[in-house]
PDB file of N, CA and C in Angstrom:
ATOM      1  N   MET A   1     -92.586 -37.510  55.946  1.00  0.00           N
ATOM      2  CA  MET A   1     -91.686 -38.080  56.934  1.00  0.00           C
ATOM      3  C   MET A   1     -92.807 -37.602  58.418  1.00  0.00           C
ATOM      4  N   ASN A   2     -92.369 -38.887  59.315  1.00  0.00           N
ATOM      5  CA  ASN A   2     -93.320 -39.026  60.301  1.00  0.00           C
ATOM      6  C   ASN A   2     -91.937 -39.616  61.472  1.00  0.00           C
ATOM      7  N   GLN A   3     -91.425 -38.706  62.203  1.00  0.00           N
ATOM      8  CA  GLN A   3     -90.417 -38.859  63.112  1.00  0.00           C
ATOM      9  C   GLN A   3     -90.824 -38.505  64.536  1.00  0.00           C
ATOM     10  N   GLU A   4     -90.460 -39.122  65.712  1.00  0.00           N
ATOM     11  CA  GLU A   4     -90.677 -39.126  66.534  1.00  0.00           C
ATOM     12  C   GLU A   4     -90.436 -37.688  67.548  1.00  0.00           C
ATOM     13  N   ILE A   5     -91.573 -37.032  68.163  1.00  0.00           N
ATOM     14  CA  ILE A   5     -91.167 -35.715  68.505  1.00  0.00           C
ATOM     15  C   ILE A   5     -91.836 -36.107  70.252  1.00  0.00           C
ATOM     16  N   GLU A   6     -90.922 -35.381  70.754  1.00  0.00           N
ATOM     17  CA  GLU A   6     -91.642 -35.199  72.207  1.00  0.00           C
ATOM     18  C   GLU A   6     -92.547 -34.083  72.180  1.00  0.00           C
ATOM     19  N   VAL A   7     -93.420 -34.888  72.763  1.00  0.00           N
ATOM     20  CA  VAL A   7     -94.544 -33.609  73.435  1.00  0.00           C
ATOM     21  C   VAL A   7     -95.037 -33.795  74.757  1.00  0.00           C
ATOM     22  N   ARG A   8     -94.941 -32.668  75.428  1.00  0.00           N
ATOM     23  CA  ARG A   8     -95.389 -32.039  76.838  1.00  0.00           C
ATOM     24  C   ARG A   8     -96.229 -31.234  77.033  1.00  0.00           C
ATOM     25  N   ASP A   9     -96.454 -31.465  78.220  1.00  0.00           N
ATOM     26  CA  ASP A   9     -97.740 -30.237  78.745  1.00  0.00           C
ATOM     27  C   ASP A   9     -97.172 -29.288  79.374  1.00  0.00           C
ATOM     28  N   ASN A  10     -97.439 -28.372  78.790  1.00  0.00           N
ATOM     29  CA  ASN A  10     -97.332 -26.783  79.734  1.00  0.00           C
ATOM     30  C   ASN A  10     -98.593 -26.265  80.201  1.00  0.00           C
ATOM     31  N   PRO A  11     -98.857 -26.590  81.650  1.00  0.00           N
ATOM     32  CA  PRO A  11    -100.068 -26.209  81.982  1.00  0.00           C
ATOM     33  C   PRO A  11    -100.066 -24.485  82.384  1.00  0.00           C
ATOM     34  N   ALA A  12     -98.850 -24.134  82.794  1.00  0.00           N
ATOM     35  CA  ALA A  12     -98.706 -22.811  82.565  1.00  0.00           C
ATOM     36  C   ALA A  12     -99.116 -21.917  81.688  1.00  0.00           C
ATOM     37  N   ALA A  13     -99.167 -22.925  80.472  1.00  0.00           N
ATOM     38  CA  ALA A  13     -99.635 -21.506  79.171  1.00  0.00           C
ATOM     39  C   ALA A  13    -100.643 -22.875  78.690  1.00  0.00           C
ATOM     40  N   SER A  14    -101.342 -22.911  79.179  1.00  0.00           N
ATOM     41  CA  SER A  14    -102.675 -24.368  78.866  1.00  0.00           C
ATOM     42  C   SER A  14    -102.054 -24.793  77.472  1.00  0.00           C
ATOM     43  N   ARG A  15    -101.156 -25.402  77.340  1.00  0.00           N
ATOM     44  CA  ARG A  15    -100.573 -26.444  76.133  1.00  0.00           C
ATOM     45  C   ARG A  15     -99.957 -26.861  75.914  1.00  0.00           C
ATOM     46  N   TYR A  16    -100.072 -28.045  75.054  1.00  0.00           N
ATOM     47  CA  TYR A  16     -99.448 -29.334  74.524  1.00  0.00           C
ATOM     48  C   TYR A  16     -98.357 -28.450  73.661  1.00  0.00           C
ATOM     49  N   GLU A  17     -97.130 -29.167  73.795  1.00  0.00           N
ATOM     50  CA  GLU A  17     -96.633 -28.415  73.062  1.00  0.00           C
ATOM     51  C   GLU A  17     -94.832 -29.619  72.604  1.00  0.00           C
ATOM     52  N   ALA A  18     -94.545 -29.600  71.254  1.00  0.00           N
ATOM     53  CA  ALA A  18     -94.021 -30.331  70.741  1.00  0.00           C
ATOM     54  C   ALA A  18     -93.057 -29.343  70.158  1.00  0.00           C
ATOM     55  N   HIS A  19     -91.712 -29.420  70.182  1.00  0.00           N
ATOM     56  CA  HIS A  19     -90.562 -28.357  69.679  1.00  0.00           C
ATOM     57  C   HIS A  19     -89.432 -29.324  68.835  1.00  0.00           C
ATOM     58  N   ALA A  20     -89.657 -28.795  67.603  1.00  0.00           N
ATOM     59  CA  ALA A  20     -88.626 -29.184  66.639  1.00  0.00           C
ATOM     60  C   ALA A  20     -87.954 -28.040  65.956  1.00  0.00           C
ATOM     61  N   ASP A  21     -87.038 -28.465  65.649  1.00  0.00           N
ATOM     62  CA  ASP A  21     -85.983 -27.160  64.651  1.00  0.00           C
ATOM     63  C   ASP A  21     -86.127 -25.201  65.241  1.00  0.00           C
ATOM     64  N   GLY A  22     -86.026 -25.560  66.511  1.00  0.00           N
ATOM     65  CA  GLY A  22     -86.594 -24.165  66.762  1.00  0.00           C
ATOM     66  C   GLY A  22     -87.517 -23.575  67.258  1.00  0.00           C
ATOM     67  N   LYS A  23     -88.811 -24.329  66.471  1.00  0.00           N
ATOM     68  CA  LYS A  23     -90.116 -24.021  66.514  1.00  0.00           C
ATOM     69  C   LYS A  23     -91.254 -24.871  67.473  1.00  0.00           C
ATOM     70  N   ILE A  24     -92.323 -24.045  67.897  1.00  0.00           N
ATOM     71  CA  ILE A  24     -93.011 -24.524  68.580  1.00  0.00           C
ATOM     72  C   ILE A  24     -94.395 -25.404  68.186  1.00  0.00           C
ATOM     73  N   ALA A  25     -94.789 -26.293  68.019  1.00  0.00           N
ATOM     74  CA  ALA A  25     -95.953 -26.488  67.616  1.00  0.00           C
ATOM     75  C   ALA A  25     -97.012 -26.786  69.216  1.00  0.00           C
ATOM     76  N   GLU A  26     -98.053 -26.881  69.095  1.00  0.00           N
ATOM     77  CA  GLU A  26     -99.146 -26.562  69.984  1.00  0.00           C
ATOM     78  C   GLU A  26    -100.688 -27.315  70.037  1.00  0.00           C
ATOM     79  N   ILE A  27    -101.214 -27.727  71.510  1.00  0.00           N
ATOM     80  CA  ILE A  27    -102.586 -27.633  71.267  1.00  0.00           C
ATOM     81  C   ILE A  27    -102.782 -26.802  72.394  1.00  0.00           C
ATOM     82  N   ALA A  28    -103.721 -25.666  72.018  1.00  0.00           N
ATOM     83  CA  ALA A  28    -104.038 -25.017  72.890  1.00  0.00           C
ATOM     84  C   ALA A  28    -105.371 -25.391  73.418  1.00  0.00           C
ATOM     85  N   TYR A  29    -105.187 -25.582  75.193  1.00  0.00           N
ATOM     86  CA  TYR A  29    -106.373 -25.998  75.757  1.00  0.00           C
ATOM     87  C   TYR A  29    -107.191 -25.441  76.861  1.00  0.00           C
ATOM     88  N   GLU A  30    -108.718 -25.661  77.428  1.00  0.00           N
ATOM     89  CA  GLU A  30    -108.660 -24.940  78.994  1.00  0.00           C
ATOM     90  C   GLU A  30    -109.171 -26.066  79.892  1.00  0.00           C
ATOM     91  N   ARG A  31    -108.953 -26.234  81.078  1.00  0.00           N
ATOM     92  CA  ARG A  31    -109.392 -27.701  81.640  1.00  0.00           C
ATOM     93  C   ARG A  31    -110.351 -27.286  82.762  1.00  0.00           C
ATOM     94  N   ASP A  32    -111.348 -27.720  82.955  1.00  0.00           N
ATOM     95  CA  ASP A  32    -112.104 -27.329  84.223  1.00  0.00           C
ATOM     96  C   ASP A  32    -112.633 -28.382  84.683  1.00  0.00           C
ATOM     97  N   SER A  33    -111.720 -28.816  85.823  1.00  0.00           N
ATOM     98  CA  SER A  33    -112.334 -30.193  87.076  1.00  0.00           C
ATOM     99  C   SER A  33    -112.303 -30.866  85.786  1.00  0.00           C
ATOM    100  N   ASP A  34    -113.047 -31.833  85.835  1.00  0.00           N
ATOM    101  CA  ASP A  34    -112.701 -33.105  84.817  1.00  0.00           C
ATOM    102  C   ASP A  34    -113.564 -32.946  83.281  1.00  0.00           C
ATOM    103  N   LEU A  35    -112.797 -31.426  82.719  1.00  0.00           N
ATOM    104  CA  LEU A  35    -112.880 -31.948  81.421  1.00  0.00           C
ATOM    105  C   LEU A  35    -112.240 -31.170  80.970  1.00  0.00           C
ATOM    106  N   MET A  36    -111.865 -31.536  79.534  1.00  0.00           N
ATOM    107  CA  MET A  36    -110.097 -30.642  78.527  1.00  0.00           C
ATOM    108  C   MET A  36    -111.149 -30.619  77.534  1.00  0.00           C
ATOM    109  N   ILE A  37    -110.578 -29.278  77.614  1.00  0.00           N
ATOM    110  CA  ILE A  37    -111.606 -28.291  76.041  1.00  0.00           C
ATOM    111  C   ILE A  37    -110.079 -27.885  75.317  1.00  0.00           C
ATOM    112  N   TYR A  38    -110.274 -28.589  73.989  1.00  0.00           N
ATOM    113  CA  TYR A  38    -109.081 -28.156  72.790  1.00  0.00           C
ATOM    114  C   TYR A  38    -109.907 -27.311  72.234  1.00  0.00           C
ATOM    115  N   LEU A  39    -109.112 -26.348  72.388  1.00  0.00           N
ATOM    116  CA  LEU A  39    -109.210 -25.150  71.288  1.00  0.00           C
ATOM    117  C   LEU A  39    -108.469 -24.520  70.310  1.00  0.00           C
ATOM    118  N   HIS A  40    -107.319 -25.044  70.160  1.00  0.00           N
ATOM    119  CA  HIS A  40    -106.396 -24.804  68.920  1.00  0.00           C
ATOM    120  C   HIS A  40    -105.580 -25.318  68.439  1.00  0.00           C
ATOM    121  N   THR A  41    -105.371 -26.029  67.364  1.00  0.00           N
ATOM    122  CA  THR A  41    -104.096 -26.856  67.311  1.00  0.00           C
ATOM    123  C   THR A  41    -102.821 -25.994  66.038  1.00  0.00           C
ATOM    124  N   GLU A  42    -101.777 -25.800  66.148  1.00  0.00           N
ATOM    125  CA  GLU A  42    -101.122 -24.906  65.620  1.00  0.00           C
ATOM    126  C   GLU A  42     -99.955 -25.531  64.895  1.00  0.00           C
ATOM    127  N   VAL A  43     -99.314 -25.866  63.952  1.00  0.00           N
ATOM    128  CA  VAL A  43     -97.815 -26.340  63.608  1.00  0.00           C
ATOM    129  C   VAL A  43     -97.374 -25.406  62.436  1.00  0.00           C
ATOM    130  N   PRO A  44     -96.186 -24.603  62.899  1.00  0.00           N
ATOM    131  CA  PRO A  44     -95.762 -23.884  62.071  1.00  0.00           C
ATOM    132  C   PRO A  44     -95.153 -24.292  60.592  1.00  0.00           C
ATOM    133  N   LYS A  45     -95.512 -23.616  59.271  1.00  0.00           N
ATOM    134  CA  LYS A  45     -95.570 -24.163  58.533  1.00  0.00           C
ATOM    135  C   LYS A  45     -93.909 -24.879  58.216  1.00  0.00           C
ATOM    136  N   GLU A  46     -93.067 -24.635  58.745  1.00  0.00           N
ATOM    137  CA  GLU A  46     -91.682 -25.338  58.431  1.00  0.00           C
ATOM    138  C   GLU A  46     -91.791 -26.922  59.006  1.00  0.00           C
ATOM    139  N   LEU A  47     -92.956 -27.196  59.928  1.00  0.00           N
ATOM    140  CA  LEU A  47     -93.082 -28.146  60.401  1.00  0.00           C
ATOM    141  C   LEU A  47     -93.819 -29.157  60.298  1.00  0.00           C
ATOM    142  N   GLU A  48     -94.665 -28.404  58.749  1.00  0.00           N
ATOM    143  CA  GLU A  48     -95.899 -29.744  58.333  1.00  0.00           C
ATOM    144  C   GLU A  48     -95.312 -30.556  58.056  1.00  0.00           C
ATOM    145  N   GLY A  49     -95.991 -31.454  57.723  1.00  0.00           N
ATOM    146  CA  GLY A  49     -96.524 -32.481  56.777  1.00  0.00           C
ATOM    147  C   GLY A  49     -95.280 -33.700  57.595  1.00  0.00           C
ATOM    148  N   ARG A  50     -95.324 -33.227  58.763  1.00  0.00           N
ATOM    149  CA  ARG A  50     -94.067 -34.483  59.782  1.00  0.00           C
ATOM    150  C   ARG A  50     -95.059 -35.147  60.630  1.00  0.00           C
ATOM    151  N   GLY A  51     -96.104 -35.122  61.004  1.00  0.00           N
ATOM    152  CA  GLY A  51     -97.095 -35.887  61.681  1.00  0.00           C
ATOM    153  C   GLY A  51     -97.213 -35.467  63.208  1.00  0.00           C
ATOM    154  N   ILE A  52     -96.731 -34.446  63.035  1.00  0.00           N
ATOM    155  CA  ILE A  52     -96.421 -34.045  64.933  1.00  0.00           C
ATOM    156  C   ILE A  52     -97.762 -33.332  65.444  1.00  0.00           C
ATOM    157  N   ALA A  53     -99.087 -32.974  64.678  1.00  0.00           N
ATOM    158  CA  ALA A  53    -100.435 -32.414  65.372  1.00  0.00           C
ATOM    159  C   ALA A  53    -100.808 -33.880  65.535  1.00  0.00           C
ATOM    160  N   SER A  54    -100.252 -35.194  64.592  1.00  0.00           N
ATOM    161  CA  SER A  54    -101.317 -36.624  64.854  1.00  0.00           C
ATOM    162  C   SER A  54    -100.477 -36.743  66.124  1.00  0.00           C
ATOM    163  N   GLN A  55     -99.115 -36.605  66.463  1.00  0.00           N
ATOM    164  CA  GLN A  55     -98.408 -37.571  67.690  1.00  0.00           C
ATOM    165  C   GLN A  55     -99.064 -36.006  68.830  1.00  0.00           C
ATOM    166  N   MET A  56     -99.351 -35.192  68.912  1.00  0.00           N
ATOM    167  CA  MET A  56     -99.474 -34.213  69.919  1.00  0.00           C
ATOM    168  C   MET A  56    -100.899 -34.756  70.320  1.00  0.00           C
ATOM    169  N   ALA A  57    -101.854 -34.781  69.263  1.00  0.00           N
ATOM    170  CA  ALA A  57    -103.342 -35.315  69.129  1.00  0.00           C
ATOM    171  C   ALA A  57    -103.456 -36.795  70.314  1.00  0.00           C
ATOM    172  N   LYS A  58    -102.318 -37.540  69.650  1.00  0.00           N
ATOM    173  CA  LYS A  58    -102.630 -38.665  70.278  1.00  0.00           C
ATOM    174  C   LYS A  58    -102.106 -38.602  72.168  1.00  0.00           C
ATOM    175  N   TYR A  59    -101.057 -37.526  72.021  1.00  0.00           N
ATOM    176  CA  TYR A  59    -100.297 -38.045  73.429  1.00  0.00           C
ATOM    177  C   TYR A  59    -101.880 -36.834  74.115  1.00  0.00           C
ATOM    178  N   ALA A  60    -102.703 -35.599  73.519  1.00  0.00           N
ATOM    179  CA  ALA A  60    -103.054 -35.421  74.932  1.00  0.00           C
ATOM    180  C   ALA A  60    -104.274 -35.975  75.095  1.00  0.00           C
ATOM    181  N   LEU A  61    -104.926 -36.886  73.742  1.00  0.00           N
ATOM    182  CA  LEU A  61    -106.131 -37.743  74.244  1.00  0.00           C
ATOM    183  C   LEU A  61    -105.193 -38.776  75.233  1.00  0.00           C
ATOM    184  N   ASP A  62    -103.964 -39.595  75.219  1.00  0.00           N
ATOM    185  CA  ASP A  62    -104.157 -40.210  75.902  1.00  0.00           C
ATOM    186  C   ASP A  62    -103.736 -39.491  77.374  1.00  0.00           C
ATOM    187  N   GLU A  63    -103.301 -38.265  77.656  1.00  0.00           N
ATOM    188  CA  GLU A  63    -103.464 -37.971  78.994  1.00  0.00           C
ATOM    189  C   GLU A  63    -104.173 -37.716  79.261  1.00  0.00           C
ATOM    190  N   ALA A  64    -105.924 -37.582  78.769  1.00  0.00           N
ATOM    191  CA  ALA A  64    -107.338 -37.166  79.175  1.00  0.00           C
ATOM    192  C   ALA A  64    -107.443 -38.263  79.623  1.00  0.00           C
ATOM    193  N   ALA A  65    -106.973 -39.636  78.871  1.00  0.00           N
ATOM    194  CA  ALA A  65    -107.772 -40.768  79.527  1.00  0.00           C
ATOM    195  C   ALA A  65    -106.923 -41.197  80.392  1.00  0.00           C
ATOM    196  N   ALA A  66    -106.106 -41.145  81.069  1.00  0.00           N
ATOM    197  CA  ALA A  66    -105.124 -41.412  82.310  1.00  0.00           C
ATOM    198  C   ALA A  66    -105.656 -40.737  83.303  1.00  0.00           C
ATOM    199  N   HIS A  67    -105.702 -39.698  83.307  1.00  0.00           N
ATOM    200  CA  HIS A  67    -106.647 -38.830  84.343  1.00  0.00           C
ATOM    201  C   HIS A  67    -107.932 -38.724  84.004  1.00  0.00           C
ATOM    202  N   HIS A  68    -108.878 -39.668  83.343  1.00  0.00           N
ATOM    203  CA  HIS A  68    -110.198 -39.580  83.625  1.00  0.00           C
ATOM    204  C   HIS A  68    -110.869 -38.510  83.357  1.00  0.00           C
ATOM    205  N   LEU A  69    -110.556 -37.300  82.129  1.00  0.00           N
ATOM    206  CA  LEU A  69    -111.158 -36.665  81.788  1.00  0.00           C
ATOM    207  C   LEU A  69    -112.292 -36.871  80.872  1.00  0.00           C
ATOM    208  N   LYS A  70    -113.335 -35.883  80.554  1.00  0.00           N
ATOM    209  CA  LYS A  70    -113.554 -35.864  79.585  1.00  0.00           C
ATOM    210  C   LYS A  70    -113.294 -34.988  78.662  1.00  0.00           C
ATOM    211  N   VAL A  71    -113.291 -34.947  77.655  1.00  0.00           N
ATOM    212  CA  VAL A  71    -112.925 -34.119  76.226  1.00  0.00           C
ATOM    213  C   VAL A  71    -114.262 -32.999  75.476  1.00  0.00           C
ATOM    214  N   VAL A  72    -113.640 -32.309  74.972  1.00  0.00           N
ATOM    215  CA  VAL A  72    -114.549 -31.009  74.263  1.00  0.00           C
ATOM    216  C   VAL A  72    -113.882 -30.661  73.181  1.00  0.00           C
ATOM    217  N   PRO A  73    -113.621 -31.206  72.078  1.00  0.00           N
ATOM    218  CA  PRO A  73    -112.825 -31.316  70.797  1.00  0.00           C
ATOM    219  C   PRO A  73    -113.046 -29.576  70.051  1.00  0.00           C
ATOM    220  N   LEU A  74    -113.286 -28.612  70.834  1.00  0.00           N
ATOM    221  CA  LEU A  74    -113.497 -27.377  69.745  1.00  0.00           C
ATOM    222  C   LEU A  74    -112.703 -27.058  68.616  1.00  0.00           C
ATOM    223  N   CYS A  75    -111.700 -27.678  68.167  1.00  0.00           N
ATOM    224  CA  CYS A  75    -110.102 -27.637  67.783  1.00  0.00           C
ATOM    225  C   CYS A  75    -111.152 -28.667  66.341  1.00  0.00           C
ATOM    226  N   SER A  76    -111.299 -27.700  65.179  1.00  0.00           N
ATOM    227  CA  SER A  76    -111.247 -29.096  64.063  1.00  0.00           C
ATOM    228  C   SER A  76    -110.105 -29.808  64.481  1.00  0.00           C
ATOM    229  N   TYR A  77    -109.052 -30.263  63.956  1.00  0.00           N
ATOM    230  CA  TYR A  77    -108.113 -30.720  63.877  1.00  0.00           C
ATOM    231  C   TYR A  77    -108.268 -32.232  65.140  1.00  0.00           C
ATOM    232  N   MET A  78    -108.720 -31.617  66.329  1.00  0.00           N
ATOM    233  CA  MET A  78    -108.756 -32.559  66.984  1.00  0.00           C
ATOM    234  C   MET A  78    -110.081 -33.346  66.596  1.00  0.00           C
ATOM    235  N   ALA A  79    -110.916 -32.893  66.527  1.00  0.00           N
ATOM    236  CA  ALA A  79    -112.450 -33.608  66.064  1.00  0.00           C
ATOM    237  C   ALA A  79    -112.129 -34.675  65.274  1.00  0.00           C
ATOM    238  N   SER A  80    -111.081 -33.877  64.498  1.00  0.00           N
ATOM    239  CA  SER A  80    -111.234 -34.403  62.573  1.00  0.00           C
ATOM    240  C   SER A  80    -110.431 -35.779  63.180  1.00  0.00           C
ATOM    241  N   TYR A  81    -109.678 -35.661  64.453  1.00  0.00           N
ATOM    242  CA  TYR A  81    -108.135 -36.748  64.805  1.00  0.00           C
ATOM    243  C   TYR A  81    -109.197 -37.740  65.398  1.00  0.00           C
ATOM    244  N   ILE A  82    -109.997 -37.605  65.968  1.00  0.00           N
ATOM    245  CA  ILE A  82    -111.241 -38.103  66.865  1.00  0.00           C
ATOM    246  C   ILE A  82    -111.908 -39.121  66.026  1.00  0.00           C
ATOM    247  N   LYS A  83    -112.618 -38.291  64.998  1.00  0.00           N
ATOM    248  CA  LYS A  83    -113.273 -39.347  63.999  1.00  0.00           C
ATOM    249  C   LYS A  83    -112.399 -40.185  63.353  1.00  0.00           C
ATOM    250  N   ARG A  84    -111.314 -39.999  63.237  1.00  0.00           N
ATOM    251  CA  ARG A  84    -110.159 -41.139  62.543  1.00  0.00           C
ATOM    252  C   ARG A  84    -109.692 -42.341  63.351  1.00  0.00           C
ATOM    253  N   HIS A  85    -109.611 -42.064  65.087  1.00  0.00           N
ATOM    254  CA  HIS A  85    -109.355 -42.748  65.587  1.00  0.00           C
ATOM    255  C   HIS A  85    -110.521 -42.687  66.793  1.00  0.00           C
ATOM    256  N   GLN A  86    -111.891 -43.218  66.288  1.00  0.00           N
ATOM    257  CA  GLN A  86    -112.753 -43.296  66.965  1.00  0.00           C
ATOM    258  C   GLN A  86    -112.349 -44.356  68.389  1.00  0.00           C
ATOM    259  N   GLU A  87    -111.230 -44.606  68.517  1.00  0.00           N
ATOM    260  CA  GLU A  87    -110.913 -45.059  69.591  1.00  0.00           C
ATOM    261  C   GLU A  87    -111.149 -44.706  71.030  1.00  0.00           C
ATOM    262  N   TYR A  88    -111.077 -43.234  70.743  1.00  0.00           N
ATOM    263  CA  TYR A  88    -111.111 -41.665  71.912  1.00  0.00           C
ATOM    264  C   TYR A  88    -112.268 -41.275  71.846  1.00  0.00           C
ATOM    265  N   LEU A  89    -113.449 -41.855  71.033  1.00  0.00           N
ATOM    266  CA  LEU A  89    -114.555 -41.337  71.262  1.00  0.00           C
ATOM    267  C   LEU A  89    -115.342 -41.346  72.461  1.00  0.00           C
ATOM    268  N   PRO A  90    -115.195 -42.156  73.033  1.00  0.00           N
ATOM    269  CA  PRO A  90    -116.172 -42.534  74.604  1.00  0.00           C
ATOM    270  C   PRO A  90    -115.325 -41.355  75.334  1.00  0.00           C
ATOM    271  N   LEU A  91    -114.620 -41.070  75.304  1.00  0.00           N
ATOM    272  CA  LEU A  91    -114.151 -39.699  75.911  1.00  0.00           C
ATOM    273  C   LEU A  91    -114.729 -38.375  75.918  1.00  0.00           C
ATOM    274  N   VAL A  92    -115.189 -38.382  74.231  1.00  0.00           N
ATOM    275  CA  VAL A  92    -115.988 -37.428  74.033  1.00  0.00           C
ATOM    276  C   VAL A  92    -116.892 -36.799  74.779  1.00  0.00           C
ATOM    277  N   VAL A  93    -117.366 -35.938  75.605  1.00  0.00           N
ATOM    278  CA  VAL A  93    -119.039 -35.425  76.218  1.00  0.00           C
ATOM    279  C   VAL A  93    -120.100 -35.869  74.981  1.00  0.00           C
ATOM    280  N   PRO A  94    -120.963 -36.597  75.717  1.00  0.00           N
ATOM    281  CA  PRO A  94    -121.828 -37.407  74.763  1.00  0.00           C
ATOM    282  C   PRO A  94    -122.493 -36.126  73.897  1.00  0.00           C
ATOM    283  N   GLU A  95    -122.585 -34.922  73.968  1.00  0.00           N
ATOM    284  CA  GLU A  95    -123.299 -34.233  73.391  1.00  0.00           C
ATOM    285  C   GLU A  95    -122.913 -33.218  72.320  1.00  0.00           C
ATOM    286  N   GLU A  96    -121.322 -33.786  72.173  1.00  0.00           N
ATOM    287  CA  GLU A  96    -120.249 -32.941  71.251  1.00  0.00           C
ATOM    288  C   GLU A  96    -120.513 -34.754  70.013  1.00  0.00           C
ATOM    289  N   ARG A  97    -120.437 -36.112  70.818  1.00  0.00           N
ATOM    290  CA  ARG A  97    -120.376 -36.677  69.826  1.00  0.00           C
ATOM    291  C   ARG A  97    -120.572 -36.944  68.500  1.00  0.00           C
ATOM    292  N   ASP A  98    -122.096 -36.597  68.275  1.00  0.00           N
ATOM    293  CA  ASP A  98    -122.365 -36.574  66.945  1.00  0.00           C
ATOM    294  C   ASP A  98    -121.651 -35.353  65.905  1.00  0.00           C
ATOM    295  N   ARG A  99    -121.582 -34.486  66.732  1.00  0.00           N
ATOM    296  CA  ARG A  99    -120.947 -33.109  65.734  1.00  0.00           C
ATOM    297  C   ARG A  99    -119.213 -33.399  65.503  1.00  0.00           C
ATOM    298  N   VAL A 100    -119.020 -34.544  66.197  1.00  0.00           N
ATOM    299  CA  VAL A 100    -117.407 -35.066  66.047  1.00  0.00           C
ATOM    300  C   VAL A 100    -117.693 -36.026  65.296  1.00  0.00           C
ATOM    301  N   LEU A 101    -118.562 -36.588  65.024  1.00  0.00           N
ATOM    302  CA  LEU A 101    -118.870 -38.289  63.900  1.00  0.00           C
ATOM    303  C   LEU A 101    -119.435 -37.372  62.360  1.00  0.00           C
ATOM    304  N   ASN A 102    -119.697 -36.305  62.088  1.00  0.00           N
ATOM    305  CA  ASN A 102    -120.761 -35.784  60.947  1.00  0.00           C
ATOM    306  C   ASN A 102    -120.749 -34.286  61.132  1.00  0.00           C
ATOM    307  N   GLY A 103    -119.480 -33.779  61.808  1.00  0.00           N
ATOM    308  CA  GLY A 103    -119.169 -32.580  61.317  1.00  0.00           C
ATOM    309  C   GLY A 103    -117.989 -32.156  60.578  1.00  0.00           C
TER     310      GLY A 103
END
């Protein structure tokens, strides 16, 4: 089941959030000037299988693109999302692209 969930940035907590059924899914990040480092993606077990992680990843990467940020996907989910959606590959810092594609 893939329903549209509202995703928003919570800069005070350094994470993107999606709220559903009283639970919070998140992508934790660090921002360093023009660099966005994705650290961890977490979706509560009760929310799994609804496409929430994918919606959050798309939102986070679209935000990075809109703000002309380069990204470092340390989070394995974010790296695999970029590998599946290579239109985001140009956002990845050059020295990380090989790891994303072959990791």
